[in-house]
PDB file of N, CA and C in Angstrom:
ATOM      1  N   MET A   1     154.841 -56.673 -85.469  1.00  0.00           N
ATOM      2  CA  MET A   1     153.561 -56.035 -85.427  1.00  0.00           C
ATOM      3  C   MET A   1     152.521 -56.894 -86.141  1.00  0.00           C
ATOM      4  N   GLY A   2     152.886 -57.425 -87.299  1.00  0.00           N
ATOM      5  CA  GLY A   2     151.937 -58.224 -88.058  1.00  0.00           C
ATOM      6  C   GLY A   2     151.489 -59.468 -87.308  1.00  0.00           C
ATOM      7  N   ARG A   3     152.438 -60.122 -86.659  1.00  0.00           N
ATOM      8  CA  ARG A   3     152.103 -61.325 -85.893  1.00  0.00           C
ATOM      9  C   ARG A   3     151.113 -60.987 -84.778  1.00  0.00           C
ATOM     10  N   GLN A   4     151.388 -59.908 -84.049  1.00  0.00           N
ATOM     11  CA  GLN A   4     150.505 -59.536 -82.950  1.00  0.00           C
ATOM     12  C   GLN A   4     149.142 -59.089 -83.465  1.00  0.00           C
ATOM     13  N   ALA A   5     149.118 -58.391 -84.575  1.00  0.00           N
ATOM     14  CA  ALA A   5     147.836 -57.985 -85.158  1.00  0.00           C
ATOM     15  C   ALA A   5     147.004 -59.210 -85.511  1.00  0.00           C
ATOM     16  N   GLY A   6     147.650 -60.204 -86.107  1.00  0.00           N
ATOM     17  CA  GLY A   6     146.940 -61.429 -86.443  1.00  0.00           C
ATOM     18  C   GLY A   6     146.417 -62.144 -85.206  1.00  0.00           C
ATOM     19  N   ARG A   7     147.218 -62.177 -84.161  1.00  0.00           N
ATOM     20  CA  ARG A   7     146.771 -62.827 -82.920  1.00  0.00           C
ATOM     21  C   ARG A   7     145.589 -62.084 -82.314  1.00  0.00           C
ATOM     22  N   ASN A   8     145.637 -60.769 -82.366  1.00  0.00           N
ATOM     23  CA  ASN A   8     144.521 -59.991 -81.824  1.00  0.00           C
ATOM     24  C   ASN A   8     143.256 -60.161 -82.664  1.00  0.00           C
ATOM     25  N   LEU A   9     143.396 -60.280 -83.964  1.00  0.00           N
ATOM     26  CA  LEU A   9     142.231 -60.543 -84.812  1.00  0.00           C
ATOM     27  C   LEU A   9     141.609 -61.896 -84.481  1.00  0.00           C
ATOM     28  N   ALA A  10     142.469 -62.805 -83.991  1.00  0.00           N
ATOM     29  CA  ALA A  10     141.982 -64.133 -83.609  1.00  0.00           C
ATOM     30  C   ALA A  10     141.480 -64.164 -82.165  1.00  0.00           C
ATOM     31  N   GLY A  11     141.459 -62.985 -81.507  1.00  0.00           N
ATOM     32  CA  GLY A  11     140.871 -62.904 -80.173  1.00  0.00           C
ATOM     33  C   GLY A  11     141.838 -62.843 -79.017  1.00  0.00           C
ATOM     34  N   ALA A  12     143.145 -62.694 -79.257  1.00  0.00           N
ATOM     35  CA  ALA A  12     144.125 -62.685 -78.159  1.00  0.00           C
ATOM     36  C   ALA A  12     143.955 -61.476 -77.239  1.00  0.00           C
ATOM     37  N   GLY A  13     143.571 -60.332 -77.770  1.00  0.00           N
ATOM     38  CA  GLY A  13     143.367 -59.133 -76.951  1.00  0.00           C
ATOM     39  C   GLY A  13     144.637 -58.623 -76.287  1.00  0.00           C
ATOM     40  N   GLU A  14     145.799 -58.742 -76.945  1.00  0.00           N
ATOM     41  CA  GLU A  14     147.075 -58.319 -76.385  1.00  0.00           C
ATOM     42  C   GLU A  14     147.373 -56.861 -76.733  1.00  0.00           C
ATOM     43  N   GLU A  15     147.984 -56.163 -75.803  1.00  0.00           N
ATOM     44  CA  GLU A  15     148.355 -54.769 -76.027  1.00  0.00           C
ATOM     45  C   GLU A  15     149.632 -54.701 -76.864  1.00  0.00           C
ATOM     46  N   TYR A  16     149.680 -53.769 -77.794  1.00  0.00           N
ATOM     47  CA  TYR A  16     150.868 -53.555 -78.620  1.00  0.00           C
ATOM     48  C   TYR A  16     151.675 -52.433 -77.989  1.00  0.00           C
ATOM     49  N   THR A  17     152.855 -52.741 -77.461  1.00  0.00           N
ATOM     50  CA  THR A  17     153.622 -51.763 -76.698  1.00  0.00           C
ATOM     51  C   THR A  17     154.955 -51.403 -77.345  1.00  0.00           C
ATOM     52  N   HIS A  18     155.153 -51.757 -78.599  1.00  0.00           N
ATOM     53  CA  HIS A  18     156.412 -51.443 -79.274  1.00  0.00           C
ATOM     54  C   HIS A  18     156.592 -49.929 -79.381  1.00  0.00           C
ATOM     55  N   THR A  19     157.777 -49.447 -79.086  1.00  0.00           N
ATOM     56  CA  THR A  19     158.092 -48.024 -79.201  1.00  0.00           C
ATOM     57  C   THR A  19     158.490 -47.717 -80.644  1.00  0.00           C
ATOM     58  N   PRO A  20     157.815 -46.771 -81.300  1.00  0.00           N
ATOM     59  CA  PRO A  20     158.176 -46.418 -82.672  1.00  0.00           C
ATOM     60  C   PRO A  20     159.641 -45.977 -82.752  1.00  0.00           C
ATOM     61  N   TYR A  21     160.315 -46.374 -83.845  1.00  0.00           N
ATOM     62  CA  TYR A  21     161.732 -46.062 -84.027  1.00  0.00           C
ATOM     63  C   TYR A  21     162.015 -45.978 -85.520  1.00  0.00           C
ATOM     64  N   TYR A  22     162.822 -45.019 -85.905  1.00  0.00           N
ATOM     65  CA  TYR A  22     163.339 -44.995 -87.259  1.00  0.00           C
ATOM     66  C   TYR A  22     164.675 -44.273 -87.263  1.00  0.00           C
ATOM     67  N   TYR A  23     165.445 -44.509 -88.302  1.00  0.00           N
ATOM     68  CA  TYR A  23     166.731 -43.836 -88.423  1.00  0.00           C
ATOM     69  C   TYR A  23     167.021 -43.590 -89.890  1.00  0.00           C
ATOM     70  N   SER A  24     167.970 -42.732 -90.127  1.00  0.00           N
ATOM     71  CA  SER A  24     168.408 -42.463 -91.483  1.00  0.00           C
ATOM     72  C   SER A  24     169.818 -41.891 -91.440  1.00  0.00           C
ATOM     73  N   VAL A  25     170.500 -42.029 -92.542  1.00  0.00           N
ATOM     74  CA  VAL A  25     171.810 -41.405 -92.722  1.00  0.00           C
ATOM     75  C   VAL A  25     171.735 -40.637 -94.035  1.00  0.00           C
ATOM     76  N   VAL A  26     171.938 -39.330 -93.937  1.00  0.00           N
ATOM     77  CA  VAL A  26     171.850 -38.474 -95.113  1.00  0.00           C
ATOM     78  C   VAL A  26     173.125 -37.649 -95.206  1.00  0.00           C
ATOM     79  N   PHE A  27     173.896 -37.868 -96.252  1.00  0.00           N
ATOM     80  CA  PHE A  27     175.147 -37.122 -96.468  1.00  0.00           C
ATOM     81  C   PHE A  27     176.027 -37.134 -95.220  1.00  0.00           C
ATOM     82  N   GLY A  28     176.145 -38.288 -94.573  1.00  0.00           N
ATOM     83  CA  GLY A  28     177.024 -38.420 -93.421  1.00  0.00           C
ATOM     84  C   GLY A  28     176.413 -38.014 -92.094  1.00  0.00           C
ATOM     85  N   THR A  29     175.199 -37.511 -92.090  1.00  0.00           N
ATOM     86  CA  THR A  29     174.509 -37.160 -90.851  1.00  0.00           C
ATOM     87  C   THR A  29     173.557 -38.289 -90.496  1.00  0.00           C
ATOM     88  N   ARG A  30     173.724 -38.832 -89.288  1.00  0.00           N
ATOM     89  CA  ARG A  30     172.873 -39.935 -88.835  1.00  0.00           C
ATOM     90  C   ARG A  30     171.924 -39.412 -87.763  1.00  0.00           C
ATOM     91  N   TYR A  31     170.664 -39.783 -87.896  1.00  0.00           N
ATOM     92  CA  TYR A  31     169.721 -39.457 -86.830  1.00  0.00           C
ATOM     93  C   TYR A  31     168.866 -40.667 -86.528  1.00  0.00           C
ATOM     94  N   GLU A  32     168.484 -40.780 -85.265  1.00  0.00           N
ATOM     95  CA  GLU A  32     167.589 -41.834 -84.813  1.00  0.00           C
ATOM     96  C   GLU A  32     166.463 -41.169 -84.045  1.00  0.00           C
ATOM     97  N   ALA A  33     165.247 -41.579 -84.338  1.00  0.00           N
ATOM     98  CA  ALA A  33     164.074 -41.045 -83.662  1.00  0.00           C
ATOM     99  C   ALA A  33     163.400 -42.187 -82.911  1.00  0.00           C
ATOM    100  N   VAL A  34     163.210 -42.002 -81.615  1.00  0.00           N
ATOM    101  CA  VAL A  34     162.591 -43.019 -80.766  1.00  0.00           C
ATOM    102  C   VAL A  34     161.361 -42.390 -80.122  1.00  0.00           C
ATOM    103  N   GLY A  35     160.213 -43.032 -80.258  1.00  0.00           N
ATOM    104  CA  GLY A  35     158.986 -42.501 -79.674  1.00  0.00           C
ATOM    105  C   GLY A  35     158.309 -41.516 -80.598  1.00  0.00           C
ATOM    106  N   THR A  36     157.662 -40.519 -80.006  1.00  0.00           N
ATOM    107  CA  THR A  36     156.877 -39.540 -80.755  1.00  0.00           C
ATOM    108  C   THR A  36     157.646 -38.239 -80.887  1.00  0.00           C
ATOM    109  N   LEU A  37     157.930 -37.843 -82.120  1.00  0.00           N
ATOM    110  CA  LEU A  37     158.558 -36.558 -82.397  1.00  0.00           C
ATOM    111  C   LEU A  37     157.545 -35.720 -83.152  1.00  0.00           C
ATOM    112  N   ASP A  38     157.186 -34.593 -82.588  1.00  0.00           N
ATOM    113  CA  ASP A  38     156.157 -33.744 -83.178  1.00  0.00           C
ATOM    114  C   ASP A  38     156.539 -32.295 -82.892  1.00  0.00           C
ATOM    115  N   GLY A  39     156.524 -31.484 -83.911  1.00  0.00           N
ATOM    116  CA  GLY A  39     156.909 -30.083 -83.771  1.00  0.00           C
ATOM    117  C   GLY A  39     156.032 -29.288 -82.826  1.00  0.00           C
ATOM    118  N   SER A  40     154.857 -29.787 -82.487  1.00  0.00           N
ATOM    119  CA  SER A  40     153.978 -29.066 -81.564  1.00  0.00           C
ATOM    120  C   SER A  40     154.321 -29.353 -80.096  1.00  0.00           C
ATOM    121  N   LEU A  41     155.201 -30.318 -79.860  1.00  0.00           N
ATOM    122  CA  LEU A  41     155.565 -30.672 -78.485  1.00  0.00           C
ATOM    123  C   LEU A  41     156.685 -29.776 -77.966  1.00  0.00           C
ATOM    124  N   GLU A  42     156.748 -29.647 -76.656  1.00  0.00           N
ATOM    125  CA  GLU A  42     157.849 -28.923 -76.020  1.00  0.00           C
ATOM    126  C   GLU A  42     159.129 -29.728 -76.224  1.00  0.00           C
ATOM    127  N   THR A  43     160.247 -29.043 -76.425  1.00  0.00           N
ATOM    128  CA  THR A  43     161.523 -29.732 -76.588  1.00  0.00           C
ATOM    129  C   THR A  43     162.546 -29.233 -75.580  1.00  0.00           C
ATOM    130  N   VAL A  44     163.451 -30.135 -75.224  1.00  0.00           N
ATOM    131  CA  VAL A  44     164.628 -29.811 -74.423  1.00  0.00           C
ATOM    132  C   VAL A  44     165.815 -30.262 -75.255  1.00  0.00           C
ATOM    133  N   GLU A  45     166.706 -29.330 -75.591  1.00  0.00           N
ATOM    134  CA  GLU A  45     167.850 -29.629 -76.449  1.00  0.00           C
ATOM    135  C   GLU A  45     169.102 -29.794 -75.611  1.00  0.00           C
ATOM    136  N   ASP A  46     169.908 -30.788 -75.977  1.00  0.00           N
ATOM    137  CA  ASP A  46     171.154 -31.085 -75.271  1.00  0.00           C
ATOM    138  C   ASP A  46     172.242 -31.328 -76.311  1.00  0.00           C
ATOM    139  N   TRP A  47     172.899 -30.268 -76.735  1.00  0.00           N
ATOM    140  CA  TRP A  47     173.885 -30.357 -77.813  1.00  0.00           C
ATOM    141  C   TRP A  47     175.300 -30.500 -77.282  1.00  0.00           C
ATOM    142  N   VAL A  48     176.035 -31.466 -77.827  1.00  0.00           N
ATOM    143  CA  VAL A  48     177.467 -31.594 -77.574  1.00  0.00           C
ATOM    144  C   VAL A  48     178.174 -30.556 -78.431  1.00  0.00           C
ATOM    145  N   GLU A  49     177.776 -30.486 -79.698  1.00  0.00           N
ATOM    146  CA  GLU A  49     178.219 -29.469 -80.647  1.00  0.00           C
ATOM    147  C   GLU A  49     176.938 -28.922 -81.276  1.00  0.00           C
ATOM    148  N   PRO A  50     176.635 -27.642 -81.092  1.00  0.00           N
ATOM    149  CA  PRO A  50     175.362 -27.089 -81.560  1.00  0.00           C
ATOM    150  C   PRO A  50     175.024 -27.461 -83.006  1.00  0.00           C
ATOM    151  N   LEU A  51     173.869 -28.064 -83.167  1.00  0.00           N
ATOM    152  CA  LEU A  51     173.288 -28.476 -84.441  1.00  0.00           C
ATOM    153  C   LEU A  51     174.124 -29.507 -85.195  1.00  0.00           C
ATOM    154  N   GLU A  52     175.156 -30.049 -84.569  1.00  0.00           N
ATOM    155  CA  GLU A  52     175.994 -31.065 -85.202  1.00  0.00           C
ATOM    156  C   GLU A  52     175.883 -32.417 -84.504  1.00  0.00           C
ATOM    157  N   ARG A  53     175.792 -32.396 -83.161  1.00  0.00           N
ATOM    158  CA  ARG A  53     175.768 -33.641 -82.396  1.00  0.00           C
ATOM    159  C   ARG A  53     175.073 -33.389 -81.075  1.00  0.00           C
ATOM    160  N   GLY A  54     173.976 -34.123 -80.845  1.00  0.00           N
ATOM    161  CA  GLY A  54     173.256 -33.919 -79.594  1.00  0.00           C
ATOM    162  C   GLY A  54     171.982 -34.733 -79.504  1.00  0.00           C
ATOM    163  N   VAL A  55     171.200 -34.414 -78.473  1.00  0.00           N
ATOM    164  CA  VAL A  55     169.956 -35.112 -78.168  1.00  0.00           C
ATOM    165  C   VAL A  55     168.853 -34.068 -77.999  1.00  0.00           C
ATOM    166  N   VAL A  56     167.696 -34.356 -78.581  1.00  0.00           N
ATOM    167  CA  VAL A  56     166.531 -33.491 -78.394  1.00  0.00           C
ATOM    168  C   VAL A  56     165.426 -34.362 -77.791  1.00  0.00           C
ATOM    169  N   TYR A  57     164.909 -33.915 -76.652  1.00  0.00           N
ATOM    170  CA  TYR A  57     163.820 -34.616 -75.962  1.00  0.00           C
ATOM    171  C   TYR A  57     162.502 -33.933 -76.306  1.00  0.00           C
ATOM    172  N   TYR A  58     161.469 -34.712 -76.570  1.00  0.00           N
ATOM    173  CA  TYR A  58     160.132 -34.195 -76.864  1.00  0.00           C
ATOM    174  C   TYR A  58     159.237 -34.515 -75.680  1.00  0.00           C
ATOM    175  N   LEU A  59     158.610 -33.471 -75.106  1.00  0.00           N
ATOM    176  CA  LEU A  59     157.808 -33.632 -73.900  1.00  0.00           C
ATOM    177  C   LEU A  59     156.338 -33.343 -74.163  1.00  0.00           C
ATOM    178  N   ASP A  60     155.500 -34.099 -73.481  1.00  0.00           N
ATOM    179  CA  ASP A  60     154.054 -33.896 -73.517  1.00  0.00           C
ATOM    180  C   ASP A  60     153.545 -34.068 -72.091  1.00  0.00           C
ATOM    181  N   ASP A  61     152.912 -33.047 -71.548  1.00  0.00           N
ATOM    182  CA  ASP A  61     152.410 -33.088 -70.168  1.00  0.00           C
ATOM    183  C   ASP A  61     153.491 -33.484 -69.173  1.00  0.00           C
ATOM    184  N   ASP A  62     154.648 -32.839 -69.258  1.00  0.00           N
ATOM    185  CA  ASP A  62     155.766 -33.068 -68.329  1.00  0.00           C
ATOM    186  C   ASP A  62     156.309 -34.488 -68.363  1.00  0.00           C
ATOM    187  N   ARG A  63     156.204 -35.154 -69.491  1.00  0.00           N
ATOM    188  CA  ARG A  63     156.724 -36.508 -69.649  1.00  0.00           C
ATOM    189  C   ARG A  63     157.432 -36.604 -70.996  1.00  0.00           C
ATOM    190  N   VAL A  64     158.595 -37.260 -71.030  1.00  0.00           N
ATOM    191  CA  VAL A  64     159.308 -37.442 -72.289  1.00  0.00           C
ATOM    192  C   VAL A  64     158.576 -38.495 -73.117  1.00  0.00           C
ATOM    193  N   VAL A  65     158.183 -38.112 -74.335  1.00  0.00           N
ATOM    194  CA  VAL A  65     157.473 -39.042 -75.219  1.00  0.00           C
ATOM    195  C   VAL A  65     158.276 -39.355 -76.475  1.00  0.00           C
ATOM    196  N   GLY A  66     159.369 -38.628 -76.697  1.00  0.00           N
ATOM    197  CA  GLY A  66     160.198 -38.879 -77.870  1.00  0.00           C
ATOM    198  C   GLY A  66     161.614 -38.381 -77.653  1.00  0.00           C
ATOM    199  N   VAL A  67     162.554 -39.022 -78.347  1.00  0.00           N
ATOM    200  CA  VAL A  67     163.962 -38.643 -78.264  1.00  0.00           C
ATOM    201  C   VAL A  67     164.555 -38.688 -79.665  1.00  0.00           C
ATOM    202  N   LEU A  68     165.240 -37.612 -80.044  1.00  0.00           N
ATOM    203  CA  LEU A  68     165.971 -37.553 -81.299  1.00  0.00           C
ATOM    204  C   LEU A  68     167.455 -37.598 -80.979  1.00  0.00           C
ATOM    205  N   LEU A  69     168.143 -38.595 -81.522  1.00  0.00           N
ATOM    206  CA  LEU A  69     169.593 -38.721 -81.365  1.00  0.00           C
ATOM    207  C   LEU A  69     170.221 -38.233 -82.663  1.00  0.00           C
ATOM    208  N   TRP A  70     170.938 -37.121 -82.601  1.00  0.00           N
ATOM    209  CA  TRP A  70     171.499 -36.501 -83.797  1.00  0.00           C
ATOM    210  C   TRP A  70     173.008 -36.718 -83.772  1.00  0.00           C
ATOM    211  N   ASN A  71     173.473 -37.664 -84.609  1.00  0.00           N
ATOM    212  CA  ASN A  71     174.887 -38.049 -84.652  1.00  0.00           C
ATOM    213  C   ASN A  71     175.395 -38.556 -83.306  1.00  0.00           C
ATOM    214  N   ILE A  72     174.538 -39.208 -82.550  1.00  0.00           N
ATOM    215  CA  ILE A  72     174.888 -39.860 -81.280  1.00  0.00           C
ATOM    216  C   ILE A  72     174.722 -41.364 -81.511  1.00  0.00           C
ATOM    217  N   ASP A  73     175.797 -42.117 -81.364  1.00  0.00           N
ATOM    218  CA  ASP A  73     175.771 -43.547 -81.665  1.00  0.00           C
ATOM    219  C   ASP A  73     175.490 -44.400 -80.427  1.00  0.00           C
ATOM    220  N   ASP A  74     174.858 -45.529 -80.661  1.00  0.00           N
ATOM    221  CA  ASP A  74     174.696 -46.589 -79.655  1.00  0.00           C
ATOM    222  C   ASP A  74     173.990 -46.142 -78.376  1.00  0.00           C
ATOM    223  N   ARG A  75     172.988 -45.284 -78.488  1.00  0.00           N
ATOM    224  CA  ARG A  75     172.273 -44.822 -77.296  1.00  0.00           C
ATOM    225  C   ARG A  75     170.762 -45.027 -77.427  1.00  0.00           C
ATOM    226  N   THR A  76     170.348 -45.864 -78.362  1.00  0.00           N
ATOM    227  CA  THR A  76     168.928 -46.117 -78.568  1.00  0.00           C
ATOM    228  C   THR A  76     168.278 -46.720 -77.325  1.00  0.00           C
ATOM    229  N   ASP A  77     168.943 -47.670 -76.689  1.00  0.00           N
ATOM    230  CA  ASP A  77     168.381 -48.278 -75.476  1.00  0.00           C
ATOM    231  C   ASP A  77     168.255 -47.252 -74.348  1.00  0.00           C
ATOM    232  N   ALA A  78     169.211 -46.344 -74.249  1.00  0.00           N
ATOM    233  CA  ALA A  78     169.125 -45.286 -73.232  1.00  0.00           C
ATOM    234  C   ALA A  78     167.926 -44.382 -73.508  1.00  0.00           C
ATOM    235  N   ALA A  79     167.674 -44.095 -74.781  1.00  0.00           N
ATOM    236  CA  ALA A  79     166.512 -43.283 -75.145  1.00  0.00           C
ATOM    237  C   ALA A  79     165.216 -44.006 -74.775  1.00  0.00           C
ATOM    238  N   ARG A  80     165.149 -45.294 -75.057  1.00  0.00           N
ATOM    239  CA  ARG A  80     163.951 -46.071 -74.690  1.00  0.00           C
ATOM    240  C   ARG A  80     163.740 -46.073 -73.179  1.00  0.00           C
ATOM    241  N   ALA A  81     164.831 -46.145 -72.416  1.00  0.00           N
ATOM    242  CA  ALA A  81     164.721 -46.142 -70.948  1.00  0.00           C
ATOM    243  C   ALA A  81     164.111 -44.839 -70.447  1.00  0.00           C
ATOM    244  N   VAL A  82     164.499 -43.717 -71.043  1.00  0.00           N
ATOM    245  CA  VAL A  82     163.934 -42.419 -70.651  1.00  0.00           C
ATOM    246  C   VAL A  82     162.432 -42.404 -70.935  1.00  0.00           C
ATOM    247  N   LEU A  83     162.026 -42.991 -72.039  1.00  0.00           N
ATOM    248  CA  LEU A  83     160.607 -43.000 -72.417  1.00  0.00           C
ATOM    249  C   LEU A  83     159.744 -43.823 -71.469  1.00  0.00           C
ATOM    250  N   THR A  84     160.321 -44.786 -70.797  1.00  0.00           N
ATOM    251  CA  THR A  84     159.525 -45.657 -69.921  1.00  0.00           C
ATOM    252  C   THR A  84     159.277 -45.062 -68.538  1.00  0.00           C
ATOM    253  N   GLU A  85     159.929 -43.961 -68.216  1.00  0.00           N
ATOM    254  CA  GLU A  85     159.799 -43.382 -66.886  1.00  0.00           C
ATOM    255  C   GLU A  85     158.458 -42.677 -66.700  1.00  0.00           C
ATOM    256  N   ASP A  86     157.872 -42.872 -65.531  1.00  0.00           N
ATOM    257  CA  ASP A  86     156.607 -42.228 -65.182  1.00  0.00           C
ATOM    258  C   ASP A  86     156.855 -40.908 -64.473  1.00  0.00           C
ATOM    259  N   GLY A  87     155.804 -40.137 -64.373  1.00  0.00           N
ATOM    260  CA  GLY A  87     155.856 -38.917 -63.574  1.00  0.00           C
ATOM    261  C   GLY A  87     156.450 -37.747 -64.309  1.00  0.00           C
ATOM    262  N   PRO A  88     156.392 -36.593 -63.687  1.00  0.00           N
ATOM    263  CA  PRO A  88     156.943 -35.393 -64.316  1.00  0.00           C
ATOM    264  C   PRO A  88     158.459 -35.485 -64.437  1.00  0.00           C
ATOM    265  N   VAL A  89     158.970 -34.930 -65.510  1.00  0.00           N
ATOM    266  CA  VAL A  89     160.397 -34.984 -65.781  1.00  0.00           C
ATOM    267  C   VAL A  89     161.080 -33.715 -65.260  1.00  0.00           C
ATOM    268  N   ASP A  90     162.281 -33.879 -64.747  1.00  0.00           N
ATOM    269  CA  ASP A  90     163.128 -32.751 -64.359  1.00  0.00           C
ATOM    270  C   ASP A  90     163.923 -32.362 -65.605  1.00  0.00           C
ATOM    271  N   ARG A  91     163.546 -31.268 -66.233  1.00  0.00           N
ATOM    272  CA  ARG A  91     164.166 -30.868 -67.488  1.00  0.00           C
ATOM    273  C   ARG A  91     165.675 -30.687 -67.357  1.00  0.00           C
ATOM    274  N   ASP A  92     166.132 -30.136 -66.245  1.00  0.00           N
ATOM    275  CA  ASP A  92     167.571 -29.935 -66.042  1.00  0.00           C
ATOM    276  C   ASP A  92     168.316 -31.268 -65.965  1.00  0.00           C
ATOM    277  N   ALA A  93     167.666 -32.297 -65.433  1.00  0.00           N
ATOM    278  CA  ALA A  93     168.303 -33.613 -65.301  1.00  0.00           C
ATOM    279  C   ALA A  93     168.449 -34.312 -66.649  1.00  0.00           C
ATOM    280  N   LEU A  94     167.735 -33.861 -67.661  1.00  0.00           N
ATOM    281  CA  LEU A  94     167.867 -34.460 -68.983  1.00  0.00           C
ATOM    282  C   LEU A  94     169.190 -34.086 -69.642  1.00  0.00           C
ATOM    283  N   ILE A  95     169.708 -32.915 -69.319  1.00  0.00           N
ATOM    284  CA  ILE A  95     170.940 -32.456 -69.943  1.00  0.00           C
ATOM    285  C   ILE A  95     172.097 -33.379 -69.562  1.00  0.00           C
ATOM    286  N   GLY A  96     172.733 -33.958 -70.570  1.00  0.00           N
ATOM    287  CA  GLY A  96     173.844 -34.878 -70.353  1.00  0.00           C
ATOM    288  C   GLY A  96     173.445 -36.305 -70.073  1.00  0.00           C
ATOM    289  N   ARG A  97     172.188 -36.543 -69.907  1.00  0.00           N
ATOM    290  CA  ARG A  97     171.736 -37.875 -69.486  1.00  0.00           C
ATOM    291  C   ARG A  97     172.049 -38.962 -70.503  1.00  0.00           C
ATOM    292  N   ILE A  98     171.718 -38.761 -71.750  1.00  0.00           N
ATOM    293  CA  ILE A  98     171.952 -39.787 -72.756  1.00  0.00           C
ATOM    294  C   ILE A  98     173.329 -39.643 -73.384  1.00  0.00           C
ATOM    295  N   ARG A  99     173.767 -38.450 -73.621  1.00  0.00           N
ATOM    296  CA  ARG A  99     175.017 -38.269 -74.345  1.00  0.00           C
ATOM    297  C   ARG A  99     176.249 -38.549 -73.515  1.00  0.00           C
ATOM    298  N   GLU A 100     176.119 -38.694 -72.188  1.00  0.00           N
ATOM    299  CA  GLU A 100     177.278 -38.905 -71.321  1.00  0.00           C
ATOM    300  C   GLU A 100     178.158 -40.056 -71.784  1.00  0.00           C
ATOM    301  N   GLU A 101     177.532 -41.150 -72.191  1.00  0.00           N
ATOM    302  CA  GLU A 101     178.297 -42.318 -72.590  1.00  0.00           C
ATOM    303  C   GLU A 101     178.488 -42.398 -74.091  1.00  0.00           C
ATOM    304  N   ALA A 102     178.045 -41.373 -74.795  1.00  0.00           N
ATOM    305  CA  ALA A 102     178.172 -41.396 -76.262  1.00  0.00           C
ATOM    306  C   ALA A 102     179.622 -41.230 -76.660  1.00  0.00           C
ATOM    307  N   SER A 103     179.954 -41.820 -77.780  1.00  0.00           N
ATOM    308  CA  SER A 103     181.340 -41.727 -78.257  1.00  0.00           C
ATOM    309  C   SER A 103     181.567 -40.454 -79.044  1.00  0.00           C
TER     310      SER A 103
END
């Protein structure tokens, strides 16, 4: 981000398209947040084990804008792929989409 900011200050005029991401591990619980997670957004929950392991999708105007991976490993790229899709989302099709290949 810093490199691109410096280039833009020098007149490059480049768009910054990095998808926000963060993760944490607290007392053995791992979560990864990709994109925009906001409590005011509509959510679609896809739990393997309720409140223990699953995926929560955050929607804005019928489009996925954020994904929370709760104790789901190695699926960050799959979450980013969902975020890049255009058009209205089929909420039913989200169920099982990311967690299918999760360990």
